[in-house]
Protein backbone atom coordinates (compact mmCIF):
# COMPACT_ATOMS: atom_id res chain seq x y z
CA UNK A 1 0.00 0.00 0.00
CA UNK A 2 1.66 3.22 -1.16
CA UNK A 3 2.37 5.85 1.46
CA UNK A 4 1.68 3.61 4.44
CA UNK A 5 2.33 0.32 6.19
CA UNK A 6 0.98 -2.85 4.56
CA UNK A 7 -2.00 -4.43 6.26
CA UNK A 8 -0.93 -7.48 8.27
CA UNK A 9 -2.02 -10.91 7.09
CA UNK A 10 -4.20 -12.49 9.77
CA UNK A 11 -4.40 -16.25 9.50
CA UNK A 12 -7.86 -16.79 10.99
CA UNK A 13 -9.29 -14.01 8.82
CA UNK A 14 -7.84 -15.63 5.69
CA UNK A 15 -9.16 -19.06 6.70
CA UNK A 16 -12.62 -17.58 7.37
CA UNK A 17 -12.59 -15.88 3.96
CA UNK A 18 -11.61 -19.14 2.31
CA UNK A 19 -14.68 -20.94 3.71
CA UNK A 20 -17.01 -18.00 3.14
CA UNK A 21 -17.52 -16.98 6.79
CA UNK A 22 -15.86 -13.62 6.35
CA UNK A 23 -16.63 -11.54 3.31
CA UNK A 24 -17.81 -8.13 2.17
CA UNK A 25 -21.49 -7.43 1.67
CA UNK A 26 -21.94 -6.21 -1.91
CA UNK A 27 -24.90 -4.00 -0.97
CA UNK A 28 -23.60 -2.20 2.11
CA UNK A 29 -19.87 -2.77 1.48
CA UNK A 30 -19.48 -4.02 5.03
CA UNK A 31 -18.25 -7.22 6.63
CA UNK A 32 -20.97 -9.86 6.96
CA UNK A 33 -19.20 -11.25 10.04
CA UNK A 34 -16.87 -8.94 11.94
CA UNK A 35 -13.36 -10.21 12.53
CA UNK A 36 -13.69 -9.78 16.30
CA UNK A 37 -16.61 -12.26 16.24
CA UNK A 38 -14.51 -14.74 14.29
CA UNK A 39 -11.65 -14.39 16.79
CA UNK A 40 -14.11 -14.80 19.67
CA UNK A 41 -15.22 -18.07 18.07
CA UNK A 42 -11.58 -19.03 17.60
CA UNK A 43 -10.87 -18.42 21.31
CA UNK A 44 -13.91 -20.48 22.31
CA UNK A 45 -12.95 -23.36 19.99
CA UNK A 46 -9.41 -23.27 21.38
CA UNK A 47 -10.75 -23.48 24.95
CA UNK A 48 -13.07 -26.35 24.02
CA UNK A 49 -10.17 -28.28 22.47
CA UNK A 50 -7.97 -27.67 25.51
CA UNK A 51 -10.83 -28.72 27.80
CA UNK A 52 -11.29 -31.95 25.84
CA UNK A 53 -7.57 -32.67 26.05
CA UNK A 54 -7.60 -32.00 29.80
CA UNK A 55 -10.56 -34.31 30.47
CA UNK A 56 -9.77 -37.04 27.94
CA UNK A 57 -7.97 -39.25 30.46
CA UNK A 58 -8.85 -38.13 33.95
CA UNK A 59 -6.56 -39.49 36.65
CA UNK A 60 -6.38 -39.31 40.43
CA UNK A 61 -2.84 -37.98 40.06
CA UNK A 62 -3.26 -35.26 37.42
CA UNK A 63 -0.65 -34.41 34.85
CA UNK A 64 -0.36 -32.35 31.70
CA UNK A 65 -3.41 -30.29 30.75
CA UNK A 66 -5.48 -31.84 33.53
CA UNK A 67 -3.01 -30.65 36.14
CA UNK A 68 -2.82 -27.18 34.60
CA UNK A 69 -6.58 -26.70 34.50
CA UNK A 70 -7.08 -28.13 37.99
CA UNK A 71 -4.60 -25.59 39.35
CA UNK A 72 -6.19 -22.68 37.48
CA UNK A 73 -9.84 -23.60 38.06
CA UNK A 74 -9.25 -24.77 41.63
CA UNK A 75 -7.36 -21.58 42.48
CA UNK A 76 -10.09 -19.38 41.01
CA UNK A 77 -12.81 -21.31 42.84
CA UNK A 78 -11.01 -20.99 46.16
CA UNK A 79 -10.57 -17.26 45.57
CA UNK A 80 -14.28 -16.81 44.80
CA UNK A 81 -15.46 -18.85 47.80
CA UNK A 82 -13.09 -17.02 50.15
CA UNK A 83 -14.48 -13.66 49.04
CA UNK A 84 -18.17 -14.42 48.46
CA UNK A 85 -18.72 -17.48 50.65
CA UNK A 86 -20.46 -20.72 49.73
CA UNK A 87 -22.92 -18.77 47.57
CA UNK A 88 -19.97 -18.09 45.29
CA UNK A 89 -20.06 -21.69 44.05
CA UNK A 90 -23.35 -20.92 42.29
CA UNK A 91 -21.84 -18.14 40.20
CA UNK A 92 -18.33 -19.57 39.85
CA UNK A 93 -18.93 -21.32 36.47
CA UNK A 94 -19.84 -17.95 34.94
CA UNK A 95 -16.84 -16.19 36.46
CA UNK A 96 -14.45 -18.97 35.48
CA UNK A 97 -15.68 -19.04 31.88
CA UNK A 98 -15.37 -15.26 31.73
CA UNK A 99 -11.78 -15.31 32.97
CA UNK A 100 -10.68 -18.13 30.66
CA UNK A 101 -12.23 -16.47 27.62
CA UNK A 102 -10.67 -13.08 28.34
CA UNK A 103 -7.20 -14.38 29.07
CA UNK A 104 -7.29 -16.58 25.95
CA UNK A 105 -8.59 -13.69 23.84
CA UNK A 106 -5.89 -11.39 25.20
CA UNK A 107 -3.00 -13.79 24.67
CA UNK A 108 -3.82 -14.91 21.14
CA UNK A 109 -3.40 -11.30 20.06
CA UNK A 110 0.31 -11.64 20.84
CA UNK A 111 0.69 -14.55 18.42
CA UNK A 112 1.97 -13.39 14.99
CA UNK A 113 -0.75 -13.77 12.37
CA UNK A 114 -3.57 -13.70 14.93
CA UNK A 115 -5.64 -10.93 16.45
CA UNK A 116 -7.34 -10.47 19.80
CA UNK A 117 -11.15 -10.31 20.09
CA UNK A 118 -10.74 -8.15 23.18
CA UNK A 119 -9.10 -5.31 21.25
CA UNK A 120 -12.55 -4.55 19.84
CA UNK A 121 -14.89 -2.46 21.96
CA UNK A 122 -17.92 -4.49 20.82
CA UNK A 123 -16.60 -7.74 22.31
CA UNK A 124 -15.77 -6.07 25.61
CA UNK A 125 -19.10 -4.22 25.73
CA UNK A 126 -20.94 -7.51 25.20
CA UNK A 127 -19.09 -9.10 28.13
CA UNK A 128 -19.59 -6.04 30.33
CA UNK A 129 -23.33 -5.93 29.62
CA UNK A 130 -23.56 -9.67 30.30
CA UNK A 131 -21.91 -9.12 33.70
CA UNK A 132 -24.32 -6.23 34.40
CA UNK A 133 -27.39 -8.32 33.56
CA UNK A 134 -26.05 -11.38 35.39
CA UNK A 135 -25.32 -9.79 38.76
CA UNK A 136 -28.61 -7.88 38.74
CA UNK A 137 -30.41 -11.10 37.83
CA UNK A 138 -28.91 -12.78 40.88
CA UNK A 139 -29.78 -9.79 43.06
CA UNK A 140 -33.42 -9.93 42.00
CA UNK A 141 -33.46 -13.73 42.28
CA UNK A 142 -32.08 -13.63 45.82
CA UNK A 143 -34.00 -10.71 47.24
CA UNK A 144 -36.93 -10.07 44.92
CA UNK A 145 -38.33 -6.56 45.26
CA UNK A 146 -36.10 -6.09 48.31
CA UNK A 147 -33.12 -5.83 45.97
CA UNK A 148 -33.96 -2.13 45.64
CA UNK A 149 -32.60 -1.70 49.17
CA UNK A 150 -29.10 -2.15 47.76
CA UNK A 151 -29.53 1.22 46.05
CA UNK A 152 -30.98 3.16 48.98
CA UNK A 153 -28.11 3.55 51.39
CA UNK A 154 -27.97 2.71 55.12
CA UNK A 155 -30.53 5.30 56.32
CA UNK A 156 -33.99 6.11 54.97
CA UNK A 157 -33.33 9.84 54.98
CA UNK A 158 -30.41 9.29 52.56
CA UNK A 159 -32.62 7.65 49.93
CA UNK A 160 -33.18 10.83 47.81
CA UNK A 161 -29.40 11.27 47.62
CA UNK A 162 -28.20 7.66 47.44
CA UNK A 163 -30.74 6.26 44.98
CA UNK A 164 -29.72 8.36 41.94
CA UNK A 165 -26.02 8.04 42.86
CA UNK A 166 -26.26 4.25 43.10
CA UNK A 167 -28.22 3.95 39.85
CA UNK A 168 -25.68 6.07 37.97
CA UNK A 169 -22.84 4.12 39.58
CA UNK A 170 -24.30 0.78 38.47
CA UNK A 171 -25.03 2.02 34.96
CA UNK A 172 -21.43 3.22 34.66
CA UNK A 173 -20.02 -0.21 35.49
CA UNK A 174 -20.41 -1.70 31.97
CA UNK A 175 -18.72 1.36 30.48
CA UNK A 176 -15.86 1.11 32.96
CA UNK A 177 -15.33 -2.61 32.34
CA UNK A 178 -15.45 -2.11 28.58
CA UNK A 179 -13.03 0.78 28.30
CA UNK A 180 -10.52 -0.58 30.82
CA UNK A 181 -10.03 -3.84 28.94
CA UNK A 182 -10.27 -2.27 25.48
CA UNK A 183 -7.79 0.50 26.29
CA UNK A 184 -5.16 -1.84 27.67
CA UNK A 185 -5.35 -4.45 24.93
CA UNK A 186 -5.51 -1.94 22.08
CA UNK A 187 -2.75 0.12 23.70
CA UNK A 188 -0.32 -2.78 23.87
CA UNK A 189 -0.92 -3.61 20.21
CA UNK A 190 -0.13 -0.02 19.21
CA UNK A 191 3.07 -0.13 21.28
CA UNK A 192 4.11 -3.42 19.66
CA UNK A 193 3.55 -2.00 16.16
CA UNK A 194 5.60 1.09 16.96
CA UNK A 195 8.41 -0.91 18.53
CA UNK A 196 8.49 -3.31 15.60
CA UNK A 197 8.74 -0.38 13.20
CA UNK A 198 11.59 1.16 15.19
CA UNK A 199 13.50 -1.92 16.30
CA UNK A 200 12.23 -5.22 14.86
CA UNK A 201 12.67 -8.29 17.10
CA UNK A 202 15.09 -6.54 19.47
CA UNK A 203 12.41 -4.05 20.54
CA UNK A 204 9.39 -6.36 20.49
CA UNK A 205 10.65 -9.67 21.88
CA UNK A 206 11.25 -8.48 25.48
CA UNK A 207 7.90 -6.65 25.46
CA UNK A 208 6.05 -9.91 24.77
CA UNK A 209 6.83 -11.07 28.30
CA UNK A 210 5.64 -7.80 29.80
CA UNK A 211 2.45 -7.72 27.71
CA UNK A 212 1.73 -11.39 28.48
CA UNK A 213 1.79 -10.51 32.17
CA UNK A 214 -0.37 -7.43 31.54
CA UNK A 215 -2.90 -9.55 29.61
CA UNK A 216 -3.18 -11.98 32.52
CA UNK A 217 -3.60 -9.10 34.98
CA UNK A 218 -6.31 -7.46 32.86
CA UNK A 219 -8.24 -10.75 32.64
CA UNK A 220 -8.00 -11.13 36.41
CA UNK A 221 -9.10 -7.52 37.02
CA UNK A 222 -12.20 -8.04 34.85
CA UNK A 223 -12.88 -11.32 36.67
CA UNK A 224 -12.36 -9.74 40.10
CA UNK A 225 -14.63 -6.75 39.40
CA UNK A 226 -17.37 -9.07 38.14
CA UNK A 227 -16.95 -11.10 41.35
CA UNK A 228 -17.22 -7.95 43.49
CA UNK A 229 -20.42 -6.91 41.71
CA UNK A 230 -21.88 -10.37 42.25
CA UNK A 231 -20.84 -10.33 45.89
CA UNK A 232 -22.70 -7.05 46.38
CA UNK A 233 -25.86 -8.42 44.78
CA UNK A 234 -25.76 -11.64 46.83
CA UNK A 235 -25.24 -9.92 50.20
CA UNK A 236 -27.89 -8.43 52.47
CA UNK A 237 -28.50 -4.74 51.90
CA UNK A 238 -27.11 -2.65 54.76
C-alpha cells in the first residue's frame, strides 16, 4: 500500500474468507461477520479443544493439561469462595468461563498472524453488559423486590441522595469494564507495532513477556470486578 504500512495478514481471517464466513457485503460494502466475532469463536474453539484434552484421560494424580486446569480452576474457585462465601459456588462457572475467555482472547493477540477479540470495543461491551445483567439477575433472584434496598443507602433519609447516585454508579459499570479492557489491549498492540517499526525483534521480543503478564492481569481484574459486583448483589443490603 503506497504511502503507508501494509495491512498485516491475519491467518484466521484468511481461513474464514476461504470458507465464506468472512466476506464483504456487496450491498452495504461491510463485513458480513466482523473479525472480532470470528476471533471470539476461535478463542472459544481453542478453549473447548484444551478442555477436551484435559478431560480425555482423567486421573487421580493429574498431569499435563489436567493438572494445569485443575490448578487454574481450583485456584479461582477458592478465591471466589473465600471472598463471596459458599454462595460463590453458584456463580463460579460464569466467572471462570469469563476469565478463561478473556485471558485466551488477550493472549492470542500476541501470536503473529492472529488478532485479539478483546481489542474490539464491541466484544468487551458484550461481556460487560452480560456481567451487568447477570449480577442484577442474581440480586433480584435472591431478594426479589427487596433488591432495591441495595440502592438506597444505610438510612432512609439518605434515599433521595443515594438512589440516583447508586443507579448512575451501576449504569457506569459496563462502560468502565469495557473501556478498561479495550484501552489496555488496544494500547499494547499499538506499542508493539511502533516498537516493531523502530527496532524489529530486538524491541518487540522483550515486550512480549511484559504484555503477556499485563494480559493476565487485565483478565484477572475483569474477573475480580465481576466477582465484586456479584458479591454485592448476593449480600444483604445494609
